[in-house]
N, C-alpha and C. Protein backbone atom coordinates (compact mmCIF):
# COMPACT_ATOMS: atom_id res chain seq x y z
N MET A 1 0.82 -1.20 0.02
CA MET A 1 -0.01 -0.02 -0.01
C MET A 1 0.85 1.24 0.00
N GLY A 2 0.59 2.16 -0.85
CA GLY A 2 1.38 3.39 -0.98
C GLY A 2 1.11 4.45 0.05
N VAL A 3 1.88 5.44 0.03
CA VAL A 3 1.72 6.55 1.07
C VAL A 3 0.41 7.22 0.88
N LEU A 4 -0.02 7.49 -0.32
CA LEU A 4 -1.29 8.16 -0.54
C LEU A 4 -2.48 7.26 -0.04
N GLU A 5 -2.38 6.03 -0.37
CA GLU A 5 -3.45 5.09 0.06
C GLU A 5 -3.58 5.07 1.59
N ARG A 6 -2.42 5.04 2.28
CA ARG A 6 -2.43 5.00 3.74
C ARG A 6 -3.00 6.32 4.32
N GLU A 7 -2.63 7.47 3.70
CA GLU A 7 -3.16 8.67 4.19
C GLU A 7 -4.66 8.81 3.92
N SER A 8 -5.06 8.33 2.79
CA SER A 8 -6.43 8.35 2.43
C SER A 8 -7.27 7.46 3.39
N LYS A 9 -6.79 6.32 3.73
CA LYS A 9 -7.47 5.43 4.69
C LYS A 9 -7.54 6.06 6.09
N LYS A 10 -6.44 6.82 6.47
CA LYS A 10 -6.42 7.46 7.74
C LYS A 10 -7.43 8.54 7.79
N ARG A 11 -7.54 9.31 6.73
CA ARG A 11 -8.46 10.42 6.60
C ARG A 11 -9.92 9.87 6.69
N MET A 12 -10.18 8.78 5.92
CA MET A 12 -11.42 8.14 5.90
C MET A 12 -11.84 7.60 7.32
N ARG A 13 -10.88 7.03 7.99
CA ARG A 13 -11.16 6.51 9.27
C ARG A 13 -11.52 7.65 10.27
N ARG A 14 -10.85 8.81 10.19
CA ARG A 14 -11.24 9.96 10.98
C ARG A 14 -12.64 10.41 10.71
N TYR A 15 -12.99 10.51 9.44
CA TYR A 15 -14.33 10.88 9.03
C TYR A 15 -15.35 9.87 9.53
N GLN A 16 -15.06 8.54 9.52
CA GLN A 16 -15.94 7.53 9.96
C GLN A 16 -16.14 7.66 11.47
N ILE A 17 -15.05 7.94 12.20
CA ILE A 17 -15.16 8.07 13.64
C ILE A 17 -15.99 9.29 14.00
N GLN A 18 -15.76 10.45 13.36
CA GLN A 18 -16.61 11.60 13.59
C GLN A 18 -18.05 11.31 13.29
N LYS A 19 -18.26 10.68 12.10
CA LYS A 19 -19.65 10.38 11.70
C LYS A 19 -20.28 9.44 12.78
N ALA A 20 -19.60 8.44 13.19
CA ALA A 20 -20.17 7.49 14.16
C ALA A 20 -20.49 8.19 15.50
N VAL A 21 -19.64 9.09 15.97
CA VAL A 21 -19.89 9.81 17.20
C VAL A 21 -21.11 10.72 17.01
N LEU A 22 -21.14 11.47 15.93
CA LEU A 22 -22.26 12.36 15.65
C LEU A 22 -23.54 11.59 15.45
N GLN A 23 -23.52 10.46 14.74
CA GLN A 23 -24.71 9.71 14.53
C GLN A 23 -25.19 9.05 15.84
N SER A 24 -24.23 8.66 16.72
CA SER A 24 -24.67 8.10 18.00
C SER A 24 -25.40 9.13 18.79
N VAL A 25 -24.93 10.34 18.82
CA VAL A 25 -25.60 11.43 19.58
C VAL A 25 -26.97 11.76 18.88
N ALA A 26 -26.93 11.81 17.56
CA ALA A 26 -28.18 12.20 16.81
C ALA A 26 -29.23 11.12 16.99
N ALA A 27 -28.84 9.85 17.00
CA ALA A 27 -29.85 8.74 17.11
C ALA A 27 -30.55 8.77 18.39
N VAL A 28 -29.91 9.14 19.49
CA VAL A 28 -30.53 9.11 20.79
C VAL A 28 -30.99 10.44 21.23
N GLY A 29 -30.53 11.56 20.60
CA GLY A 29 -30.94 12.84 20.97
C GLY A 29 -29.96 13.47 22.00
N VAL A 30 -29.89 12.83 23.10
CA VAL A 30 -28.82 13.15 24.05
C VAL A 30 -28.15 11.86 24.49
N LEU A 31 -26.92 11.91 24.86
CA LEU A 31 -26.23 10.72 25.18
C LEU A 31 -25.25 10.97 26.35
N SER A 32 -25.24 10.10 27.26
CA SER A 32 -24.35 10.23 28.37
C SER A 32 -22.93 10.04 27.88
N VAL A 33 -21.98 10.81 28.43
CA VAL A 33 -20.59 10.69 28.11
C VAL A 33 -20.10 9.31 28.33
N ALA A 34 -20.55 8.67 29.34
CA ALA A 34 -20.06 7.34 29.70
C ALA A 34 -20.57 6.31 28.70
N LEU A 35 -21.71 6.53 28.07
CA LEU A 35 -22.24 5.63 27.15
C LEU A 35 -21.79 5.84 25.73
N LEU A 36 -21.16 6.92 25.47
CA LEU A 36 -20.81 7.34 24.08
C LEU A 36 -19.81 6.36 23.43
N ALA A 37 -18.75 6.07 24.13
CA ALA A 37 -17.61 5.23 23.52
C ALA A 37 -18.13 3.89 23.09
N PRO A 38 -18.86 3.11 23.90
CA PRO A 38 -19.33 1.82 23.41
C PRO A 38 -20.21 1.91 22.20
N ASN A 39 -21.21 2.84 22.25
CA ASN A 39 -22.12 2.99 21.08
C ASN A 39 -21.37 3.36 19.84
N ALA A 40 -20.40 4.28 19.92
CA ALA A 40 -19.62 4.66 18.74
C ALA A 40 -18.80 3.50 18.25
N LEU A 41 -18.30 2.66 19.18
CA LEU A 41 -17.50 1.56 18.74
C LEU A 41 -18.41 0.49 17.97
N GLN A 42 -19.60 0.30 18.46
CA GLN A 42 -20.54 -0.56 17.75
C GLN A 42 -20.83 0.00 16.36
N MET A 43 -21.06 1.26 16.25
CA MET A 43 -21.35 1.83 14.94
C MET A 43 -20.16 1.68 13.99
N LEU A 44 -18.93 1.87 14.55
CA LEU A 44 -17.77 1.78 13.72
C LEU A 44 -17.58 0.30 13.18
N LYS A 45 -17.92 -0.60 14.03
CA LYS A 45 -17.88 -2.05 13.53
C LYS A 45 -18.81 -2.26 12.40
N MET A 46 -19.95 -1.64 12.44
CA MET A 46 -20.96 -1.79 11.37
C MET A 46 -20.37 -1.18 10.08
N PHE A 47 -19.55 -0.09 10.19
CA PHE A 47 -19.02 0.56 9.04
C PHE A 47 -17.73 -0.07 8.50
N GLY A 48 -17.35 -1.24 9.11
CA GLY A 48 -16.25 -1.93 8.69
C GLY A 48 -14.87 -1.49 9.24
N TYR A 49 -14.95 -0.60 10.29
CA TYR A 49 -13.75 -0.18 10.95
C TYR A 49 -13.30 -1.22 11.87
N THR A 50 -12.06 -1.68 11.69
CA THR A 50 -11.58 -2.70 12.54
C THR A 50 -10.94 -2.04 13.85
N PRO A 51 -11.42 -2.47 15.00
CA PRO A 51 -10.94 -1.85 16.24
C PRO A 51 -9.50 -2.26 16.54
N HIS A 52 -8.81 -1.39 17.19
CA HIS A 52 -7.47 -1.60 17.68
C HIS A 52 -7.32 -1.35 19.11
N ARG A 53 -6.18 -1.53 19.66
CA ARG A 53 -5.99 -1.46 21.13
C ARG A 53 -6.18 -0.06 21.66
N ARG A 54 -6.02 0.95 20.87
CA ARG A 54 -6.20 2.32 21.26
C ARG A 54 -7.53 2.89 20.91
N GLN A 55 -8.53 2.06 20.68
CA GLN A 55 -9.82 2.53 20.17
C GLN A 55 -10.55 3.52 21.07
N LYS A 56 -10.57 3.25 22.30
CA LYS A 56 -11.26 4.18 23.25
C LYS A 56 -10.58 5.51 23.27
N GLU A 57 -9.31 5.52 23.18
CA GLU A 57 -8.58 6.77 23.22
C GLU A 57 -8.90 7.55 21.94
N VAL A 58 -8.94 6.89 20.77
CA VAL A 58 -9.24 7.55 19.52
C VAL A 58 -10.65 8.12 19.56
N ILE A 59 -11.60 7.39 20.10
CA ILE A 59 -12.97 7.88 20.26
C ILE A 59 -13.05 9.07 21.18
N ASN A 60 -12.34 8.99 22.31
CA ASN A 60 -12.36 10.12 23.23
C ASN A 60 -11.75 11.36 22.68
N VAL A 61 -10.65 11.21 21.89
CA VAL A 61 -10.03 12.37 21.27
C VAL A 61 -10.95 12.97 20.22
N SER A 62 -11.64 12.10 19.47
CA SER A 62 -12.59 12.57 18.47
C SER A 62 -13.74 13.31 19.15
N ARG A 63 -14.29 12.74 20.22
CA ARG A 63 -15.35 13.39 20.93
C ARG A 63 -14.95 14.73 21.47
N ALA A 64 -13.79 14.78 22.07
CA ALA A 64 -13.26 16.11 22.60
C ALA A 64 -13.07 17.14 21.43
N ARG A 65 -12.59 16.68 20.27
CA ARG A 65 -12.42 17.61 19.15
C ARG A 65 -13.78 18.09 18.68
N LEU A 66 -14.76 17.19 18.64
CA LEU A 66 -16.14 17.59 18.25
C LEU A 66 -16.71 18.59 19.19
N LEU A 67 -16.51 18.38 20.50
CA LEU A 67 -16.96 19.37 21.52
C LEU A 67 -16.27 20.74 21.32
N GLU A 68 -14.98 20.68 21.14
CA GLU A 68 -14.16 21.91 21.01
C GLU A 68 -14.57 22.69 19.75
N GLN A 69 -14.92 22.01 18.66
CA GLN A 69 -15.27 22.69 17.40
C GLN A 69 -16.72 23.10 17.37
N GLY A 70 -17.50 22.77 18.40
CA GLY A 70 -18.86 23.19 18.48
C GLY A 70 -19.90 22.29 17.82
N PHE A 71 -19.51 21.12 17.47
CA PHE A 71 -20.46 20.16 16.80
C PHE A 71 -21.31 19.43 17.85
N LEU A 72 -20.77 19.28 18.99
CA LEU A 72 -21.47 18.70 20.15
C LEU A 72 -21.42 19.69 21.31
N LYS A 73 -22.43 19.61 22.22
CA LYS A 73 -22.42 20.42 23.45
C LYS A 73 -22.95 19.60 24.59
N ARG A 74 -22.61 19.99 25.79
CA ARG A 74 -23.10 19.28 26.96
C ARG A 74 -24.23 20.12 27.58
N ASP A 75 -25.25 19.41 27.97
CA ASP A 75 -26.34 20.14 28.65
C ASP A 75 -26.00 20.21 30.15
N GLU A 76 -26.98 20.70 30.95
CA GLU A 76 -26.69 20.97 32.39
C GLU A 76 -26.49 19.65 33.14
N ARG A 77 -26.96 18.46 32.62
CA ARG A 77 -26.80 17.22 33.26
C ARG A 77 -25.50 16.55 32.83
N GLY A 78 -24.71 17.08 31.88
CA GLY A 78 -23.52 16.46 31.42
C GLY A 78 -23.73 15.49 30.23
N PHE A 79 -24.95 15.54 29.68
CA PHE A 79 -25.20 14.72 28.46
C PHE A 79 -24.79 15.49 27.20
N LEU A 80 -24.40 14.75 26.25
CA LEU A 80 -23.99 15.34 24.97
C LEU A 80 -25.23 15.50 24.05
N GLN A 81 -25.20 16.67 23.35
CA GLN A 81 -26.25 16.93 22.36
C GLN A 81 -25.58 17.37 21.10
N LEU A 82 -26.30 17.09 20.01
CA LEU A 82 -25.82 17.57 18.68
C LEU A 82 -26.28 19.01 18.51
N THR A 83 -25.38 19.88 18.13
CA THR A 83 -25.70 21.27 17.87
C THR A 83 -26.18 21.40 16.46
N PRO A 84 -26.85 22.52 16.08
CA PRO A 84 -27.20 22.70 14.62
C PRO A 84 -25.95 22.64 13.71
N LYS A 85 -24.83 23.11 14.22
CA LYS A 85 -23.60 23.06 13.45
C LYS A 85 -23.14 21.57 13.31
N GLY A 86 -23.41 20.78 14.37
CA GLY A 86 -23.11 19.33 14.31
C GLY A 86 -24.02 18.62 13.33
N GLU A 87 -25.31 19.01 13.31
CA GLU A 87 -26.23 18.36 12.31
C GLU A 87 -25.73 18.69 10.87
N THR A 88 -25.33 19.93 10.62
CA THR A 88 -24.83 20.22 9.32
C THR A 88 -23.56 19.40 8.98
N LYS A 89 -22.66 19.28 9.98
CA LYS A 89 -21.47 18.42 9.78
C LYS A 89 -21.79 17.01 9.51
N LEU A 90 -22.74 16.46 10.24
CA LEU A 90 -23.17 15.09 9.97
C LEU A 90 -23.73 14.92 8.54
N ARG A 91 -24.54 15.78 8.14
CA ARG A 91 -25.06 15.70 6.72
C ARG A 91 -23.96 15.79 5.74
N THR A 92 -22.99 16.70 5.98
CA THR A 92 -21.79 16.78 5.09
C THR A 92 -21.01 15.53 5.03
N LEU A 93 -20.78 14.89 6.23
CA LEU A 93 -20.05 13.64 6.29
C LEU A 93 -20.83 12.57 5.53
N GLU A 94 -22.13 12.50 5.70
CA GLU A 94 -22.95 11.55 4.96
C GLU A 94 -22.80 11.71 3.44
N LYS A 95 -22.89 12.97 3.00
CA LYS A 95 -22.72 13.23 1.56
C LYS A 95 -21.34 12.87 1.11
N TYR A 96 -20.25 13.18 1.98
CA TYR A 96 -18.95 12.85 1.59
C TYR A 96 -18.75 11.34 1.31
N ASN A 97 -19.42 10.55 2.16
CA ASN A 97 -19.31 9.13 1.94
C ASN A 97 -19.93 8.61 0.64
N TYR A 98 -20.83 9.38 0.09
CA TYR A 98 -21.43 8.92 -1.20
C TYR A 98 -20.60 9.34 -2.40
N HIS A 99 -19.50 10.09 -2.17
CA HIS A 99 -18.64 10.52 -3.25
C HIS A 99 -17.44 9.52 -3.31
N LEU A 100 -17.29 8.87 -4.47
CA LEU A 100 -16.23 7.90 -4.60
C LEU A 100 -15.19 8.42 -5.55
N PRO A 101 -13.96 8.65 -5.05
CA PRO A 101 -12.87 9.04 -5.99
C PRO A 101 -12.48 7.82 -6.88
N HIS A 102 -12.07 8.15 -8.04
CA HIS A 102 -11.62 7.05 -8.97
C HIS A 102 -10.14 6.94 -8.95
N PRO A 103 -9.62 5.72 -8.78
CA PRO A 103 -8.19 5.51 -8.85
C PRO A 103 -7.66 5.79 -10.27
N LYS A 104 -6.35 6.05 -10.30
CA LYS A 104 -5.76 6.29 -11.64
C LYS A 104 -5.85 5.16 -12.59
N HIS A 105 -5.65 3.99 -12.09
CA HIS A 105 -5.72 2.73 -12.92
C HIS A 105 -6.80 1.85 -12.42
N TRP A 106 -7.57 1.32 -13.42
CA TRP A 106 -8.62 0.38 -13.14
C TRP A 106 -8.00 -0.99 -12.88
N ASP A 107 -8.46 -1.68 -11.81
CA ASP A 107 -7.88 -3.04 -11.49
C ASP A 107 -8.49 -4.18 -12.28
N LYS A 108 -9.32 -3.81 -13.28
CA LYS A 108 -9.94 -4.83 -14.23
C LYS A 108 -10.89 -5.78 -13.50
N LYS A 109 -11.47 -5.27 -12.44
CA LYS A 109 -12.50 -6.05 -11.75
C LYS A 109 -13.75 -5.22 -11.66
N TRP A 110 -14.93 -5.89 -11.85
CA TRP A 110 -16.24 -5.21 -11.78
C TRP A 110 -16.78 -5.47 -10.36
N ARG A 111 -17.45 -4.42 -9.85
CA ARG A 111 -18.20 -4.53 -8.63
C ARG A 111 -19.62 -4.61 -9.01
N VAL A 112 -20.29 -5.72 -8.68
CA VAL A 112 -21.65 -5.94 -9.05
C VAL A 112 -22.54 -5.93 -7.72
N LEU A 113 -23.56 -5.19 -7.78
CA LEU A 113 -24.54 -5.15 -6.71
C LEU A 113 -25.85 -5.80 -7.16
N ILE A 114 -26.32 -6.68 -6.37
CA ILE A 114 -27.62 -7.30 -6.65
C ILE A 114 -28.46 -7.00 -5.41
N PHE A 115 -29.66 -6.46 -5.64
CA PHE A 115 -30.48 -6.29 -4.51
C PHE A 115 -31.90 -6.72 -4.76
N ASP A 116 -32.54 -7.21 -3.73
CA ASP A 116 -33.91 -7.78 -3.82
C ASP A 116 -34.67 -7.16 -2.60
N ILE A 117 -35.22 -5.96 -2.82
CA ILE A 117 -36.01 -5.34 -1.73
C ILE A 117 -37.46 -5.55 -2.04
N PRO A 118 -38.23 -6.07 -1.07
CA PRO A 118 -39.63 -6.41 -1.36
C PRO A 118 -40.49 -5.25 -1.72
N GLU A 119 -41.59 -5.54 -2.42
CA GLU A 119 -42.50 -4.54 -2.91
C GLU A 119 -43.04 -3.61 -1.78
N LYS A 120 -43.23 -4.20 -0.58
CA LYS A 120 -43.77 -3.44 0.43
C LYS A 120 -42.82 -2.27 0.94
N ARG A 121 -41.55 -2.40 0.51
CA ARG A 121 -40.55 -1.34 0.77
C ARG A 121 -40.10 -0.60 -0.46
N LYS A 122 -41.08 -0.38 -1.34
CA LYS A 122 -40.83 0.24 -2.66
C LYS A 122 -40.12 1.64 -2.55
N GLY A 123 -40.47 2.38 -1.60
CA GLY A 123 -39.84 3.69 -1.38
C GLY A 123 -38.39 3.59 -1.12
N LEU A 124 -38.02 2.62 -0.29
CA LEU A 124 -36.66 2.32 0.03
C LEU A 124 -35.88 1.86 -1.21
N ARG A 125 -36.52 0.95 -1.98
CA ARG A 125 -35.92 0.47 -3.16
C ARG A 125 -35.63 1.61 -4.16
N ASP A 126 -36.55 2.54 -4.31
CA ASP A 126 -36.33 3.69 -5.15
C ASP A 126 -35.17 4.56 -4.64
N LYS A 127 -35.10 4.71 -3.33
CA LYS A 127 -33.96 5.45 -2.72
C LYS A 127 -32.63 4.85 -3.03
N VAL A 128 -32.58 3.51 -2.98
CA VAL A 128 -31.36 2.82 -3.24
C VAL A 128 -30.99 3.01 -4.69
N ARG A 129 -32.00 2.85 -5.60
CA ARG A 129 -31.65 3.06 -7.01
C ARG A 129 -31.09 4.50 -7.25
N LEU A 130 -31.74 5.51 -6.75
CA LEU A 130 -31.35 6.87 -6.88
C LEU A 130 -29.93 7.07 -6.38
N THR A 131 -29.64 6.50 -5.22
CA THR A 131 -28.28 6.59 -4.67
C THR A 131 -27.26 5.99 -5.53
N LEU A 132 -27.57 4.82 -6.07
CA LEU A 132 -26.62 4.18 -6.99
C LEU A 132 -26.35 4.96 -8.18
N VAL A 133 -27.45 5.56 -8.80
CA VAL A 133 -27.26 6.37 -9.95
C VAL A 133 -26.37 7.58 -9.64
N PHE A 134 -26.64 8.20 -8.46
CA PHE A 134 -25.83 9.31 -8.01
C PHE A 134 -24.32 9.04 -7.88
N ILE A 135 -24.08 7.85 -7.32
CA ILE A 135 -22.73 7.43 -7.16
C ILE A 135 -22.00 7.19 -8.53
N GLY A 136 -22.81 6.66 -9.47
CA GLY A 136 -22.19 6.40 -10.82
C GLY A 136 -22.34 4.95 -11.26
N PHE A 137 -23.11 4.15 -10.57
CA PHE A 137 -23.34 2.79 -10.97
C PHE A 137 -24.10 2.78 -12.28
N LYS A 138 -23.91 1.73 -13.03
CA LYS A 138 -24.72 1.53 -14.32
C LYS A 138 -25.61 0.32 -14.06
N GLN A 139 -26.84 0.44 -14.57
CA GLN A 139 -27.80 -0.70 -14.41
C GLN A 139 -27.52 -1.73 -15.49
N LEU A 140 -27.26 -2.96 -15.07
CA LEU A 140 -27.08 -4.05 -15.93
C LEU A 140 -28.43 -4.76 -16.24
N GLN A 141 -29.15 -4.99 -15.20
CA GLN A 141 -30.50 -5.50 -15.30
C GLN A 141 -31.34 -4.80 -14.27
N LYS A 142 -32.61 -5.12 -14.09
CA LYS A 142 -33.51 -4.39 -13.22
C LYS A 142 -32.90 -4.14 -11.79
N SER A 143 -32.42 -5.17 -11.16
CA SER A 143 -31.91 -5.00 -9.82
C SER A 143 -30.41 -5.40 -9.78
N VAL A 144 -29.70 -5.29 -10.85
CA VAL A 144 -28.29 -5.57 -10.90
C VAL A 144 -27.57 -4.37 -11.38
N TRP A 145 -26.63 -3.92 -10.60
CA TRP A 145 -25.89 -2.66 -10.92
C TRP A 145 -24.36 -2.95 -10.94
N VAL A 146 -23.64 -2.18 -11.76
CA VAL A 146 -22.22 -2.44 -11.94
C VAL A 146 -21.45 -1.14 -11.74
N TYR A 147 -20.26 -1.33 -11.15
CA TYR A 147 -19.36 -0.22 -10.95
C TYR A 147 -17.92 -0.73 -11.09
N PRO A 148 -16.99 -0.04 -11.73
CA PRO A 148 -15.66 -0.64 -11.95
C PRO A 148 -14.64 -0.45 -10.81
N TYR A 149 -14.96 0.32 -9.80
CA TYR A 149 -13.95 0.57 -8.77
C TYR A 149 -14.38 0.13 -7.43
N ASP A 150 -13.45 -0.03 -6.53
CA ASP A 150 -13.70 -0.50 -5.18
C ASP A 150 -14.69 0.41 -4.49
N CYS A 151 -15.81 -0.17 -3.99
CA CYS A 151 -16.81 0.61 -3.26
C CYS A 151 -17.40 -0.17 -2.15
N GLU A 152 -16.66 -1.15 -1.60
CA GLU A 152 -17.15 -2.02 -0.56
C GLU A 152 -17.49 -1.24 0.66
N ASP A 153 -16.68 -0.27 1.06
CA ASP A 153 -16.93 0.55 2.29
C ASP A 153 -18.22 1.34 2.15
N LEU A 154 -18.45 1.89 0.95
CA LEU A 154 -19.65 2.70 0.69
C LEU A 154 -20.87 1.77 0.79
N ILE A 155 -20.82 0.58 0.23
CA ILE A 155 -21.97 -0.33 0.22
C ILE A 155 -22.24 -0.72 1.67
N THR A 156 -21.18 -0.94 2.45
CA THR A 156 -21.39 -1.23 3.88
C THR A 156 -22.16 -0.07 4.59
N LEU A 157 -21.73 1.12 4.26
CA LEU A 157 -22.48 2.27 4.84
C LEU A 157 -23.89 2.38 4.32
N LEU A 158 -24.10 2.14 3.09
CA LEU A 158 -25.50 2.13 2.58
C LEU A 158 -26.34 1.03 3.27
N LYS A 159 -25.76 -0.12 3.41
CA LYS A 159 -26.50 -1.20 4.06
C LYS A 159 -26.90 -0.74 5.50
N ALA A 160 -25.96 -0.14 6.14
CA ALA A 160 -26.23 0.30 7.56
C ALA A 160 -27.24 1.47 7.61
N ASP A 161 -27.05 2.38 6.71
CA ASP A 161 -27.89 3.55 6.64
C ASP A 161 -29.33 3.20 6.27
N PHE A 162 -29.54 2.40 5.27
CA PHE A 162 -30.87 2.04 4.85
C PHE A 162 -31.43 0.79 5.59
N LYS A 163 -30.54 0.21 6.40
CA LYS A 163 -31.00 -0.98 7.15
C LYS A 163 -31.46 -2.16 6.22
N ILE A 164 -30.61 -2.44 5.22
CA ILE A 164 -30.96 -3.46 4.21
C ILE A 164 -29.77 -4.42 4.04
N GLY A 165 -29.19 -4.86 5.16
CA GLY A 165 -27.96 -5.65 5.16
C GLY A 165 -28.06 -6.92 4.24
N ARG A 166 -29.17 -7.67 4.41
CA ARG A 166 -29.27 -8.92 3.69
C ARG A 166 -29.95 -8.77 2.33
N ASP A 167 -30.40 -7.59 2.06
CA ASP A 167 -31.11 -7.39 0.78
C ASP A 167 -30.17 -7.03 -0.37
N ILE A 168 -28.89 -6.64 -0.04
CA ILE A 168 -27.99 -6.27 -1.07
C ILE A 168 -26.78 -7.27 -0.97
N ILE A 169 -26.39 -7.76 -2.18
CA ILE A 169 -25.24 -8.60 -2.30
C ILE A 169 -24.19 -7.88 -3.10
N TYR A 170 -22.97 -7.82 -2.58
CA TYR A 170 -21.83 -7.19 -3.25
C TYR A 170 -20.96 -8.29 -3.82
N ILE A 171 -20.64 -8.20 -5.13
CA ILE A 171 -19.82 -9.22 -5.82
C ILE A 171 -18.70 -8.55 -6.50
N ILE A 172 -17.53 -9.15 -6.49
CA ILE A 172 -16.41 -8.66 -7.27
C ILE A 172 -16.19 -9.71 -8.37
N ALA A 173 -16.35 -9.26 -9.66
CA ALA A 173 -16.24 -10.16 -10.75
C ALA A 173 -15.03 -9.78 -11.67
N ASP A 174 -14.36 -10.78 -12.23
CA ASP A 174 -13.23 -10.53 -13.12
C ASP A 174 -13.75 -10.14 -14.50
N THR A 175 -14.83 -10.76 -14.98
CA THR A 175 -15.30 -10.45 -16.30
C THR A 175 -16.82 -10.40 -16.29
N ILE A 176 -17.35 -9.66 -17.17
CA ILE A 176 -18.77 -9.64 -17.50
C ILE A 176 -18.90 -9.84 -18.99
N GLU A 177 -19.78 -10.72 -19.41
CA GLU A 177 -19.99 -11.01 -20.81
C GLU A 177 -20.38 -9.69 -21.58
N ASN A 178 -19.81 -9.51 -22.76
CA ASN A 178 -20.05 -8.37 -23.58
C ASN A 178 -19.94 -7.01 -22.81
N ASN A 179 -18.78 -6.85 -22.17
CA ASN A 179 -18.59 -5.68 -21.30
C ASN A 179 -18.05 -4.43 -22.05
N ALA A 180 -17.87 -4.49 -23.36
CA ALA A 180 -17.36 -3.39 -24.10
C ALA A 180 -18.15 -2.10 -23.91
N GLU A 181 -19.46 -2.28 -23.90
CA GLU A 181 -20.37 -1.09 -23.70
C GLU A 181 -20.29 -0.48 -22.34
N LEU A 182 -20.07 -1.42 -21.33
CA LEU A 182 -19.91 -0.91 -20.00
C LEU A 182 -18.54 -0.17 -19.84
N LYS A 183 -17.51 -0.71 -20.44
CA LYS A 183 -16.17 -0.06 -20.38
C LYS A 183 -16.32 1.36 -21.03
N LYS A 184 -16.98 1.35 -22.11
CA LYS A 184 -17.13 2.69 -22.82
C LYS A 184 -17.95 3.67 -21.95
N SER A 185 -18.99 3.23 -21.32
CA SER A 185 -19.79 4.11 -20.52
C SER A 185 -19.02 4.62 -19.24
N PHE A 186 -18.10 3.90 -18.77
CA PHE A 186 -17.29 4.31 -17.61
C PHE A 186 -16.00 5.02 -18.13
N GLY A 187 -15.78 5.09 -19.40
CA GLY A 187 -14.57 5.73 -19.89
C GLY A 187 -13.29 4.92 -19.68
N LEU A 188 -13.42 3.62 -19.68
CA LEU A 188 -12.26 2.78 -19.47
C LEU A 188 -11.51 2.33 -20.75
N ILE A 189 -12.15 2.63 -21.88
CA ILE A 189 -11.45 2.32 -23.17
C ILE A 189 -11.36 3.56 -24.02
C-alpha cells in the first residue's frame, strides 16, 4: 500500500469516527458521556472499521475535538447533544461518503450489486436506485448494478444507513460478458 493510500485510509477513518460519534448522539438525541464510547464503537464495527487497542482513546479524542469545534455540546446534566452546526457536519459527512474518488488505474474487476428489496418497501428500493445512480453505478438489469472501482466501504455504509444488510449482495467479478459497452460508458477504453 502506497503513502497516498495510507493517508487516504487514515483520513477516511477519521471521518468515519466523527460520523459515528455524531450519529450516535443524533440517534438518541442526548447521550451520556459514559455511554458514548461503546455505542460509537458498535457503529464503527458496522461501518467496517476494525478496532485496535487504542480505540477508546481515539473515540475520546474525536469526541473532545467535536466538542471543541462546537459540533457537540453538553447540557446541564452532562449529556451530549448535537448542535445545529453538528447536524450540518453530519449531513456533510454523509454526503462525503457517497462520493467515490476514482483511482488512476482500473484493476480490471467489476463490482456488481444485486438487491432484492420487497414490494412493500418500494420507497426504500427507489432510494437505493437513486443513490446508486448518483454514485455512478450503471444498471445491468433491473436490480443488478455495476461499478468498476472498489466501493465496498460505501456499500457497507449504505446497508447500515438504509437497514438493508441482507437485501444487497456485493460481488467482485473478473469479467462480464459483452462488457465493451460498460467499459465505454465508464470511460475505461
